[in-house]
Amino acid sequence: MGEKSLQKRKYILETARRVFMEKGYKRVTMKDIVEACEISRGGLYLYFNSTAEIFLEVLKLESEEADDVFSDSITEDATAADILVLFLKEQKKELLRKKDTLTQATYEFYFENDLPKKDNILKKQFDSAVKIMQKLIEAGVGNREFYCADCEGTARNIMFVLEGLKINAQTIGITAEAVDREFQYILTALGMEED
């Protein structure tokens, strides 16, 4: 794919992301994306065959960008505790954001599409996050910043708590105080002092 084609593809994905954020997944059609991009239907089909294909690419792009933003925020001398606190702060921002989020669209997509586990980006992201969190906790235990008898179980539990908070944020709503309370429980369980 040439540079011009890559730029067009990126433009379509960025525009489609905004459409999915606004409408969710279930209500978005190829026509919606064509209109938002102000391109021909044939122009869109040169790059993508379906809204599902576009949405999966949007999810990949979203994941890469989130990883980049988080990685860029970590200082060279950051401790495991610093990194965990920064991660939780970023998660809190995401949880409290009412707009400009793909959370609703993501849940709609996965409820509607029964993908094999090997193709499930959400599962891959969850499993990867658990492994990263486990390594972070293990580093903190090694540096005596944390106390944890089961780093893998604790990492998995933290990710399940975050997933539950995301669902609450999208369905019944969530307050900053509720997020802080759950995050403080995580930090206390790892032996960190309250701020």
Protein backbone atom coordinates (compact mmCIF):
# COMPACT_ATOMS: atom_id res chain seq x y z
CA MET A 1 0.00 0.00 0.00
CA GLY A 2 1.40 3.40 -0.99
CA GLU A 3 1.74 6.39 1.34
CA LYS A 4 -1.41 8.06 -0.04
CA SER A 5 -3.40 4.84 0.47
CA LEU A 6 -2.06 4.45 4.02
CA GLN A 7 -3.10 8.04 4.83
CA LYS A 8 -6.59 7.44 3.38
CA ARG A 9 -6.96 4.23 5.38
CA LYS A 10 -5.87 6.02 8.56
CA TYR A 11 -8.34 8.85 7.85
CA ILE A 12 -11.17 6.32 7.42
CA LEU A 13 -10.29 4.60 10.70
CA GLU A 14 -10.06 7.87 12.65
CA THR A 15 -13.36 9.07 11.22
CA ALA A 16 -15.02 5.70 11.84
CA ARG A 17 -13.78 5.81 15.44
CA ARG A 18 -15.70 9.04 16.00
CA VAL A 19 -18.82 7.50 14.43
CA PHE A 20 -18.56 4.41 16.68
CA MET A 21 -18.03 6.62 19.75
CA GLU A 22 -21.14 8.60 18.90
CA LYS A 23 -23.48 5.78 17.85
CA GLY A 24 -22.08 2.63 19.43
CA TYR A 25 -21.43 -0.38 17.22
CA LYS A 26 -24.86 -1.84 16.46
CA ARG A 27 -26.31 1.29 14.87
CA VAL A 28 -23.36 2.08 12.57
CA THR A 29 -23.63 1.18 8.89
CA MET A 30 -21.16 1.41 6.06
CA LYS A 31 -23.30 4.29 4.78
CA ASP A 32 -22.71 6.20 8.05
CA ILE A 33 -18.96 5.82 7.60
CA VAL A 34 -19.12 6.78 3.90
CA GLU A 35 -21.03 9.95 4.82
CA ALA A 36 -18.75 10.85 7.72
CA CYS A 37 -15.64 10.35 5.56
CA GLU A 38 -17.23 12.13 2.60
CA ILE A 39 -16.01 9.43 0.23
CA SER A 40 -17.76 7.17 -2.24
CA ARG A 41 -19.10 3.79 -1.20
CA GLY A 42 -16.65 2.17 -3.63
CA GLY A 43 -13.84 4.21 -2.08
CA LEU A 44 -14.62 2.76 1.34
CA TYR A 45 -14.89 -0.79 0.00
CA LEU A 46 -11.39 -0.49 -1.49
CA TYR A 47 -10.11 -0.55 2.09
CA PHE A 48 -12.74 -2.39 4.16
CA ASN A 49 -15.51 -4.93 3.53
CA SER A 50 -17.68 -4.43 6.61
CA THR A 51 -18.30 -2.40 9.74
CA ALA A 52 -16.96 -5.35 11.75
CA GLU A 53 -13.65 -5.23 9.87
CA ILE A 54 -13.41 -1.48 10.39
CA PHE A 55 -14.27 -1.76 14.07
CA LEU A 56 -11.61 -4.41 14.71
CA GLU A 57 -9.01 -2.15 13.08
CA VAL A 58 -10.24 0.80 15.17
CA LEU A 59 -9.81 -1.33 18.32
CA LYS A 60 -6.24 -2.22 17.32
CA LEU A 61 -5.44 1.44 16.66
CA GLU A 62 -7.02 2.47 19.98
CA SER A 63 -4.98 -0.11 21.88
CA GLU A 64 -1.70 0.96 20.25
CA GLU A 65 -2.37 4.64 21.00
CA ALA A 66 -3.30 3.94 24.64
CA ASP A 67 -0.09 1.95 25.11
CA ASP A 68 1.96 4.78 23.59
CA VAL A 69 0.37 7.47 25.79
CA PHE A 70 0.93 5.41 28.93
CA SER A 71 4.51 4.47 28.02
CA ASP A 72 5.38 8.09 27.25
CA SER A 73 4.15 9.12 30.73
CA ILE A 74 6.53 6.82 32.59
CA THR A 75 9.75 8.45 33.73
CA GLU A 76 13.06 6.63 33.59
CA ASP A 77 13.40 6.47 37.38
CA ALA A 78 9.77 5.44 38.04
CA THR A 79 9.27 2.73 40.64
CA ALA A 80 6.73 -0.07 40.32
CA ALA A 81 4.51 1.83 42.77
CA ASP A 82 4.80 5.01 40.65
CA ILE A 83 3.82 3.08 37.53
CA LEU A 84 0.85 1.40 39.23
CA VAL A 85 -0.43 4.73 40.57
CA LEU A 86 -0.04 6.34 37.12
CA PHE A 87 -1.86 3.39 35.52
CA LEU A 88 -4.75 3.70 37.98
CA LYS A 89 -4.96 7.48 37.39
CA GLU A 90 -5.22 6.88 33.63
CA GLN A 91 -7.88 4.23 34.22
CA LYS A 92 -9.84 6.65 36.41
CA LYS A 93 -9.82 9.28 33.65
CA GLU A 94 -11.12 6.69 31.20
CA LEU A 95 -13.81 5.48 33.59
CA LEU A 96 -15.13 8.97 34.30
CA ARG A 97 -15.12 10.09 30.67
CA LYS A 98 -18.70 10.10 29.42
CA LYS A 99 -17.95 10.81 25.77
CA ASP A 100 -15.15 10.00 23.38
CA THR A 101 -14.96 6.39 24.44
CA LEU A 102 -15.39 3.13 22.55
CA THR A 103 -16.49 1.14 25.60
CA GLN A 104 -20.17 0.85 24.66
CA ALA A 105 -19.37 0.04 21.04
CA THR A 106 -16.84 -2.57 22.14
CA TYR A 107 -19.33 -4.39 24.34
CA GLU A 108 -21.98 -4.25 21.59
CA PHE A 109 -19.50 -5.67 19.08
CA TYR A 110 -18.51 -8.59 21.28
CA PHE A 111 -22.09 -9.40 22.28
CA GLU A 112 -23.07 -9.45 18.60
CA ASN A 113 -20.04 -11.33 17.21
CA ASP A 114 -19.00 -14.72 18.51
CA LEU A 115 -15.32 -14.66 17.62
CA PRO A 116 -12.94 -17.56 18.21
CA LYS A 117 -10.70 -16.93 21.24
CA LYS A 118 -7.63 -16.64 19.01
CA ASP A 119 -9.29 -13.74 17.12
CA ASN A 120 -10.75 -11.99 20.16
CA ILE A 121 -8.82 -8.73 20.56
CA LEU A 122 -10.55 -7.96 23.86
CA LYS A 123 -9.40 -11.29 25.33
CA LYS A 124 -5.87 -10.74 24.01
CA GLN A 125 -5.79 -7.25 25.55
CA PHE A 126 -7.09 -8.57 28.87
CA ASP A 127 -4.58 -11.44 28.97
CA SER A 128 -1.74 -9.11 27.99
CA ALA A 129 -2.76 -6.59 30.66
CA VAL A 130 -2.79 -9.35 33.28
CA LYS A 131 0.75 -10.40 32.31
CA ILE A 132 2.03 -6.82 32.37
CA MET A 133 0.34 -6.17 35.73
CA GLN A 134 1.79 -9.42 37.10
CA LYS A 135 5.32 -8.37 36.07
CA LEU A 136 4.78 -4.94 37.60
CA ILE A 137 3.60 -6.47 40.89
CA GLU A 138 6.50 -8.94 40.88
CA ALA A 139 8.94 -6.04 40.37
CA GLY A 140 7.29 -4.16 43.24
CA VAL A 141 7.53 -7.23 45.48
CA GLY A 142 11.19 -7.64 44.50
CA ASN A 143 11.85 -3.99 45.42
CA ARG A 144 9.82 -4.34 48.63
CA GLU A 145 7.32 -1.73 47.45
CA PHE A 146 4.47 -4.26 47.49
CA TYR A 147 3.52 -7.31 49.46
CA CYS A 148 1.79 -10.02 47.43
CA ALA A 149 1.67 -13.79 47.85
CA ASP A 150 -0.02 -14.45 44.48
CA CYS A 151 1.10 -11.91 41.87
CA GLU A 152 -0.71 -13.56 38.96
CA GLY A 153 -4.00 -13.89 40.87
CA THR A 154 -3.77 -10.33 42.13
CA ALA A 155 -3.04 -9.02 38.61
CA ARG A 156 -6.02 -10.92 37.21
CA ASN A 157 -8.22 -9.63 40.04
CA ILE A 158 -7.16 -6.02 39.36
CA MET A 159 -8.08 -6.39 35.69
CA PHE A 160 -11.46 -7.93 36.57
CA VAL A 161 -12.14 -5.03 38.96
CA LEU A 162 -11.32 -2.57 36.17
CA GLU A 163 -13.59 -4.42 33.74
CA GLY A 164 -16.43 -4.34 36.26
CA LEU A 165 -15.92 -0.62 36.82
CA LYS A 166 -16.07 -0.06 33.04
CA ILE A 167 -19.40 -1.86 32.86
CA ASN A 168 -20.76 0.15 35.79
CA ALA A 169 -19.58 3.39 34.20
CA GLN A 170 -21.49 2.55 31.01
CA THR A 171 -24.67 1.20 32.62
CA ILE A 172 -25.50 2.68 36.02
CA GLY A 173 -22.80 5.34 36.19
CA ILE A 174 -19.88 5.71 38.55
CA THR A 175 -18.49 8.47 40.72
CA ALA A 176 -14.91 9.54 41.26
CA GLU A 177 -15.33 8.58 44.91
CA ALA A 178 -16.37 5.03 43.99
CA VAL A 179 -13.37 4.67 41.67
CA ASP A 180 -11.03 6.04 44.35
CA ARG A 181 -12.44 3.61 46.93
CA GLU A 182 -11.86 0.58 44.66
CA PHE A 183 -8.38 1.74 43.70
CA GLN A 184 -7.46 2.38 47.32
CA TYR A 185 -8.53 -1.18 48.12
CA ILE A 186 -6.12 -2.42 45.40
CA LEU A 187 -3.25 -0.32 46.77
CA THR A 188 -3.94 -1.34 50.37
CA ALA A 189 -4.07 -5.02 49.38
CA LEU A 190 -0.57 -4.60 47.94
CA GLY A 191 0.65 -3.07 51.19
CA MET A 192 0.90 0.51 49.95
CA GLU A 193 0.19 3.33 52.37
CA GLU A 194 -2.73 5.66 51.73
CA ASP A 195 -1.93 8.95 49.99
